Amino acid sequence: MSTIPLRPLGFGEVVDGALQLYRGDFGLYYLIALLAAVPGYILMLVTGADATMLAADPEMDPAAMLGEMGVALVAIVFAWLMTWVGTVAVAVAMAERIEERPVSVGRSYRETLRHLPRAAGASILAFVLFGLVAGVLMAVAFAVMASFVLSGSIALTLIGGLGLFVVGAALTMFWLAATFGILPAVVIEGRGVIGALQRSLGLCRGGWLRVIGIMVVAMIIRTAPTVAIMVLFGMQDMFTSPEALGTVDAETQWLMNTATLLIGPLTVPFMVGSIMMLFHDRRVRSEAYDLETLAGTMDAP
């Protein structure tokens, strides 16, 4: 029997339910997410790569600059992929807990290996489709923006820049909403690559604004620790001031990476909990999942 209430949930109830899931087995979820973040942290430590290496230093030799940027990009992408694997593992563990079944760190990762190809395939497919749509829309937005700039009007240029930002933000929010149900569809319902994406899109029908709102809140909370660490160490200056490049010593970089390793996984369970609660709510609202489950319970001996 699921521990989530069998009824439609309000916006606040979804967020509160995510917090309840988060607190219910915080130690387990945190450890799962932390273990996934360790390989990326080690790679960063060994290679000395960090996000500041992606900022171009005009005084650096072009070949050396490209080499450093390539190393940094590989390390960052690898760390992101491992974090995503940890997110899938947290989703597996949380799905088991919701159904009141026993689960452990080892079992979560074993089950993740079974779900990983389908989850990865659906996520990549969604990213490619999103990239194609976003590419066309952004190209049109850039063309409009360029026409405004060529017109010489400051007002039109500002309006064009604002419009470009709005289009980018809208596309990002739409992508968050469109893909929210991929993990639950794979982990809970066992759907395939195309089926998981179709399921996610189908559950958004009739509730796009609601799904977007919850996913934006969850994403803000998910990324808040990382942003706070960057601000604390003044890393935002590396991308706005060329003079600041190369001023971060190895000890400071190690402290920042370690802080990210330990604090970053804190919000992964909340993000997953929000997805689980939202997935349940959309099933109840669009498919009467609560009545179906209740009927099945009454028919059981």
Protein backbone atom coordinates (compact mmCIF):
# COMPACT_ATOMS: atom_id res chain seq x y z
CA MET A 1 0.00 0.00 0.00
CA SER A 2 1.42 3.37 -0.99
CA THR A 3 2.29 5.85 1.75
CA ILE A 4 1.15 8.75 -0.49
CA PRO A 5 -2.48 9.86 0.10
CA LEU A 6 -4.86 8.44 -2.49
CA ARG A 7 -6.41 11.74 -3.57
CA PRO A 8 -5.55 14.81 -5.65
CA LEU A 9 -2.93 16.99 -3.97
CA GLY A 10 -2.64 20.76 -3.85
CA PHE A 11 0.51 22.64 -4.80
CA GLY A 12 1.56 23.00 -1.17
CA GLU A 13 0.73 19.35 -0.45
CA VAL A 14 3.03 18.19 -3.24
CA VAL A 15 5.91 20.24 -1.84
CA ASP A 16 5.12 19.18 1.74
CA GLY A 17 4.85 15.55 0.64
CA ALA A 18 8.28 15.81 -1.00
CA LEU A 19 9.68 17.11 2.30
CA GLN A 20 8.04 14.23 4.18
CA LEU A 21 9.56 11.69 1.80
CA TYR A 22 12.89 13.50 2.11
CA ARG A 23 12.85 13.37 5.92
CA GLY A 24 11.52 9.81 6.15
CA ASP A 25 14.79 8.17 5.05
CA PHE A 26 17.13 11.11 4.68
CA GLY A 27 20.27 9.16 5.65
CA LEU A 28 19.67 6.47 3.04
CA TYR A 29 18.91 8.92 0.22
CA TYR A 30 21.81 11.20 1.10
CA LEU A 31 24.28 8.31 1.16
CA ILE A 32 23.05 7.07 -2.23
CA ALA A 33 23.44 10.53 -3.79
CA LEU A 34 26.80 11.10 -2.08
CA LEU A 35 28.29 7.84 -3.37
CA ALA A 36 27.37 8.82 -6.92
CA ALA A 37 29.07 12.21 -6.53
CA VAL A 38 32.38 10.76 -5.29
CA PRO A 39 33.78 9.56 -8.68
CA GLY A 40 33.30 13.00 -10.23
CA TYR A 41 34.92 14.61 -7.19
CA ILE A 42 37.93 12.29 -7.48
CA LEU A 43 38.30 13.07 -11.20
CA MET A 44 38.20 16.78 -10.45
CA LEU A 45 40.84 16.27 -7.76
CA VAL A 46 43.15 14.18 -9.95
CA THR A 47 42.95 16.36 -13.06
CA GLY A 48 42.74 19.66 -11.23
CA ALA A 49 39.79 20.56 -13.44
CA ASP A 50 37.16 23.04 -12.33
CA ALA A 51 34.43 25.22 -13.79
CA THR A 52 36.72 28.28 -13.96
CA MET A 53 38.79 26.54 -16.65
CA LEU A 54 35.81 26.94 -19.00
CA ALA A 55 36.28 30.71 -18.90
CA ALA A 56 38.66 31.87 -21.62
CA ASP A 57 41.83 33.64 -20.51
CA PRO A 58 42.88 36.03 -23.32
CA GLU A 59 46.53 35.87 -22.25
CA MET A 60 46.78 32.08 -22.44
CA ASP A 61 48.18 30.22 -25.44
CA PRO A 62 45.19 29.07 -27.59
CA ALA A 63 46.34 25.43 -27.71
CA ALA A 64 46.87 25.27 -23.94
CA MET A 65 43.57 27.04 -23.34
CA LEU A 66 41.67 24.55 -25.49
CA GLY A 67 43.41 21.67 -23.73
CA GLU A 68 42.47 22.93 -20.28
CA MET A 69 38.91 23.67 -21.36
CA GLY A 70 38.62 20.16 -22.82
CA VAL A 71 39.83 18.53 -19.60
CA ALA A 72 37.45 20.66 -17.55
CA LEU A 73 34.53 19.88 -19.83
CA VAL A 74 35.14 16.12 -19.67
CA ALA A 75 35.44 16.21 -15.88
CA ILE A 76 32.31 18.33 -15.45
CA VAL A 77 30.23 16.19 -17.83
CA PHE A 78 31.39 12.99 -16.10
CA ALA A 79 30.53 14.43 -12.68
CA TRP A 80 27.10 15.48 -13.97
CA LEU A 81 26.44 12.01 -15.43
CA MET A 82 27.36 10.32 -12.14
CA THR A 83 25.08 12.72 -10.27
CA TRP A 84 22.28 11.74 -12.64
CA VAL A 85 22.94 8.04 -11.95
CA GLY A 86 22.69 8.83 -8.24
CA THR A 87 19.37 10.58 -8.89
CA VAL A 88 18.03 7.43 -10.58
CA ALA A 89 19.23 5.36 -7.61
CA VAL A 90 17.47 7.72 -5.17
CA ALA A 91 14.30 7.38 -7.26
CA VAL A 92 14.56 3.58 -7.05
CA ALA A 93 15.01 3.70 -3.27
CA MET A 94 12.18 6.19 -2.79
CA ALA A 95 9.79 4.16 -4.95
CA GLU A 96 10.49 1.13 -2.75
CA ARG A 97 9.96 3.13 0.44
CA ILE A 98 6.70 4.58 -0.86
CA GLU A 99 5.42 1.03 -1.34
CA GLU A 100 6.76 0.15 2.13
CA ARG A 101 9.24 -2.38 0.82
CA PRO A 102 12.74 -2.86 2.29
CA VAL A 103 15.60 -1.23 0.43
CA SER A 104 19.31 -0.59 0.89
CA VAL A 105 22.09 1.30 -0.83
CA GLY A 106 23.37 -1.81 -2.59
CA ARG A 107 19.93 -2.93 -3.72
CA SER A 108 19.14 0.55 -5.00
CA TYR A 109 22.19 0.58 -7.25
CA ARG A 110 21.58 -2.99 -8.43
CA GLU A 111 18.06 -2.04 -9.46
CA THR A 112 19.40 1.15 -11.03
CA LEU A 113 21.58 -0.89 -13.38
CA ARG A 114 18.42 -2.59 -14.62
CA HIS A 115 16.56 0.69 -15.18
CA LEU A 116 19.50 2.78 -16.39
CA PRO A 117 19.44 1.97 -20.15
CA ARG A 118 15.74 2.86 -20.49
CA ALA A 119 15.99 5.96 -18.30
CA ALA A 120 19.07 7.16 -20.18
CA GLY A 121 17.51 6.43 -23.57
CA ALA A 122 14.33 8.35 -22.74
CA SER A 123 16.30 11.28 -21.31
CA ILE A 124 18.59 11.46 -24.35
CA LEU A 125 15.62 11.25 -26.72
CA ALA A 126 13.89 14.07 -24.85
CA PHE A 127 17.07 16.15 -24.92
CA VAL A 128 17.51 15.67 -28.68
CA LEU A 129 13.89 16.58 -29.42
CA PHE A 130 14.14 19.57 -27.11
CA GLY A 131 17.37 20.63 -28.80
CA LEU A 132 15.78 20.52 -32.24
CA VAL A 133 12.74 22.56 -31.18
CA ALA A 134 14.84 24.99 -29.13
CA GLY A 135 17.31 25.41 -32.01
CA VAL A 136 14.58 26.48 -34.43
CA LEU A 137 12.87 28.83 -31.97
CA MET A 138 16.13 30.39 -30.78
CA ALA A 139 17.27 30.89 -34.37
CA VAL A 140 14.08 32.82 -35.08
CA ALA A 141 14.51 34.80 -31.85
CA PHE A 142 18.13 35.64 -32.74
CA ALA A 143 17.07 36.77 -36.23
CA VAL A 144 14.45 39.09 -34.73
CA MET A 145 17.00 40.34 -32.20
CA ALA A 146 19.54 41.04 -34.96
CA SER A 147 16.98 43.03 -36.94
CA PHE A 148 16.27 45.14 -33.87
CA VAL A 149 20.00 45.79 -33.33
CA LEU A 150 20.50 46.76 -36.97
CA SER A 151 17.60 49.18 -36.72
CA GLY A 152 19.71 51.27 -34.35
CA SER A 153 16.86 51.65 -31.85
CA ILE A 154 17.92 51.15 -28.23
CA ALA A 155 14.33 50.49 -27.15
CA LEU A 156 13.84 47.79 -29.80
CA THR A 157 17.21 46.24 -28.91
CA LEU A 158 16.23 46.04 -25.23
CA ILE A 159 12.86 44.55 -26.15
CA GLY A 160 14.58 42.01 -28.40
CA GLY A 161 17.04 41.04 -25.64
CA LEU A 162 14.20 40.63 -23.16
CA GLY A 163 12.26 38.56 -25.68
CA LEU A 164 15.28 36.33 -26.27
CA PHE A 165 15.61 35.75 -22.53
CA VAL A 166 11.90 34.99 -22.19
CA VAL A 167 12.02 32.46 -25.03
CA GLY A 168 15.03 30.70 -23.47
CA ALA A 169 13.45 30.62 -20.01
CA ALA A 170 10.12 29.36 -21.39
CA LEU A 171 11.84 26.57 -23.33
CA THR A 172 13.79 25.49 -20.25
CA MET A 173 10.65 25.41 -18.08
CA PHE A 174 8.75 23.50 -20.75
CA TRP A 175 11.56 20.94 -20.96
CA LEU A 176 11.56 20.48 -17.16
CA ALA A 177 7.83 19.86 -17.20
CA ALA A 178 7.81 17.62 -20.28
CA THR A 179 10.45 15.28 -18.84
CA PHE A 180 9.38 15.22 -15.17
CA GLY A 181 7.72 11.80 -15.41
CA ILE A 182 10.47 9.88 -17.17
CA LEU A 183 12.10 8.45 -14.03
CA PRO A 184 8.84 7.40 -12.31
CA ALA A 185 7.53 5.93 -15.57
CA VAL A 186 10.68 3.79 -15.88
CA VAL A 187 11.18 2.92 -12.20
CA ILE A 188 7.58 2.50 -11.07
CA GLU A 189 5.79 1.40 -14.24
CA GLY A 190 8.67 -0.28 -16.09
CA ARG A 191 8.11 1.62 -19.33
CA GLY A 192 10.55 1.70 -22.23
CA VAL A 193 12.39 4.58 -23.88
CA ILE A 194 9.56 5.97 -26.01
CA GLY A 195 6.86 4.88 -23.59
CA ALA A 196 8.43 6.76 -20.68
CA LEU A 197 8.62 10.01 -22.65
CA GLN A 198 5.07 9.60 -23.94
CA ARG A 199 3.91 8.91 -20.39
CA SER A 200 5.55 12.06 -19.08
CA LEU A 201 4.04 14.20 -21.83
CA GLY A 202 0.65 12.56 -21.39
CA LEU A 203 0.52 13.31 -17.68
CA CYS A 204 1.27 16.98 -18.39
CA ARG A 205 -1.84 17.30 -20.55
CA GLY A 206 -4.28 19.67 -18.90
CA GLY A 207 -1.86 20.67 -16.17
CA TRP A 208 1.17 22.27 -17.79
CA LEU A 209 1.24 25.35 -15.59
CA ARG A 210 0.95 23.26 -12.43
CA VAL A 211 3.72 20.89 -13.47
CA ILE A 212 5.97 23.76 -14.55
CA GLY A 213 5.44 25.58 -11.24
CA ILE A 214 6.31 22.59 -9.09
CA MET A 215 9.31 21.62 -11.21
CA VAL A 216 10.70 25.16 -11.18
CA VAL A 217 10.42 25.30 -7.38
CA ALA A 218 12.07 21.89 -7.06
CA MET A 219 14.89 22.85 -9.44
CA ILE A 220 15.56 26.11 -7.60
CA ILE A 221 15.87 24.24 -4.31
CA ARG A 222 17.97 21.54 -6.00
CA THR A 223 20.55 24.00 -7.38
CA ALA A 224 20.53 26.44 -4.44
CA PRO A 225 23.44 24.80 -2.52
CA THR A 226 25.73 24.74 -5.56
CA VAL A 227 24.97 28.37 -6.42
CA ALA A 228 25.47 29.39 -2.79
CA ILE A 229 28.89 27.70 -2.69
CA MET A 230 29.97 29.45 -5.89
CA VAL A 231 28.87 32.82 -4.53
CA LEU A 232 30.54 32.12 -1.18
CA PHE A 233 33.86 31.51 -2.91
CA GLY A 234 33.36 34.39 -5.35
CA MET A 235 33.39 32.12 -8.39
CA GLN A 236 30.93 34.31 -10.30
CA ASP A 237 33.75 36.83 -10.80
CA MET A 238 35.64 34.29 -12.92
CA PHE A 239 33.10 34.65 -15.72
CA THR A 240 32.74 38.45 -15.59
CA SER A 241 36.27 39.69 -14.89
CA PRO A 242 39.26 38.45 -16.93
CA GLU A 243 41.59 39.74 -14.20
CA ALA A 244 40.12 37.21 -11.76
CA LEU A 245 41.17 34.20 -13.84
CA GLY A 246 43.90 32.13 -12.29
CA THR A 247 43.56 33.77 -8.86
CA VAL A 248 42.02 30.71 -7.19
CA ASP A 249 44.68 28.66 -5.45
CA ALA A 250 44.61 24.86 -5.21
CA GLU A 251 43.52 24.86 -1.56
CA THR A 252 40.53 27.11 -2.22
CA GLN A 253 39.53 25.01 -5.21
CA TRP A 254 39.75 21.85 -3.10
CA LEU A 255 37.61 23.42 -0.39
CA MET A 256 34.99 24.44 -2.93
CA ASN A 257 34.88 21.01 -4.56
CA THR A 258 34.67 19.30 -1.16
CA ALA A 259 31.86 21.60 -0.03
CA THR A 260 29.98 20.86 -3.26
CA LEU A 261 30.52 17.12 -2.74
CA LEU A 262 29.11 17.17 0.78
CA ILE A 263 26.34 19.76 0.39
CA GLY A 264 25.19 19.12 -3.19
CA PRO A 265 23.56 15.70 -2.48
CA LEU A 266 21.44 17.22 0.30
CA THR A 267 18.79 18.44 -2.12
CA VAL A 268 18.72 15.49 -4.54
CA PRO A 269 16.12 13.57 -2.45
CA PHE A 270 13.84 16.63 -2.37
CA MET A 271 13.98 16.90 -6.15
CA VAL A 272 13.15 13.21 -6.53
CA GLY A 273 10.43 13.45 -3.88
CA SER A 274 8.82 16.33 -5.77
CA ILE A 275 8.82 14.26 -8.96
CA MET A 276 7.29 11.26 -7.17
CA MET A 277 4.54 13.33 -5.54
CA LEU A 278 3.79 15.15 -8.79
CA PHE A 279 3.70 11.88 -10.74
CA HIS A 280 1.18 10.47 -8.27
CA ASP A 281 -0.92 13.64 -8.36
CA ARG A 282 -1.07 13.70 -12.15
CA ARG A 283 -2.10 10.03 -12.26
CA VAL A 284 -4.90 10.70 -9.79
CA ARG A 285 -6.14 13.79 -11.64
CA SER A 286 -5.97 12.39 -15.17
CA GLU A 287 -6.65 8.69 -14.65
CA ALA A 288 -8.52 8.37 -11.32
CA TYR A 289 -5.58 6.33 -10.07
CA ASP A 290 -6.85 6.68 -6.50
CA LEU A 291 -10.16 4.97 -7.28
CA GLU A 292 -8.44 2.27 -9.29
CA THR A 293 -6.04 1.51 -6.44
CA LEU A 294 -8.83 1.55 -3.85
CA ALA A 295 -10.90 -0.85 -5.92
CA GLY A 296 -7.94 -3.20 -6.26
CA THR A 297 -7.41 -3.09 -2.50
CA MET A 298 -11.07 -3.92 -1.79
CA ASP A 299 -10.99 -6.85 -4.23
CA ALA A 300 -7.87 -8.31 -2.64
CA PRO A 301 -8.44 -11.17 -0.12
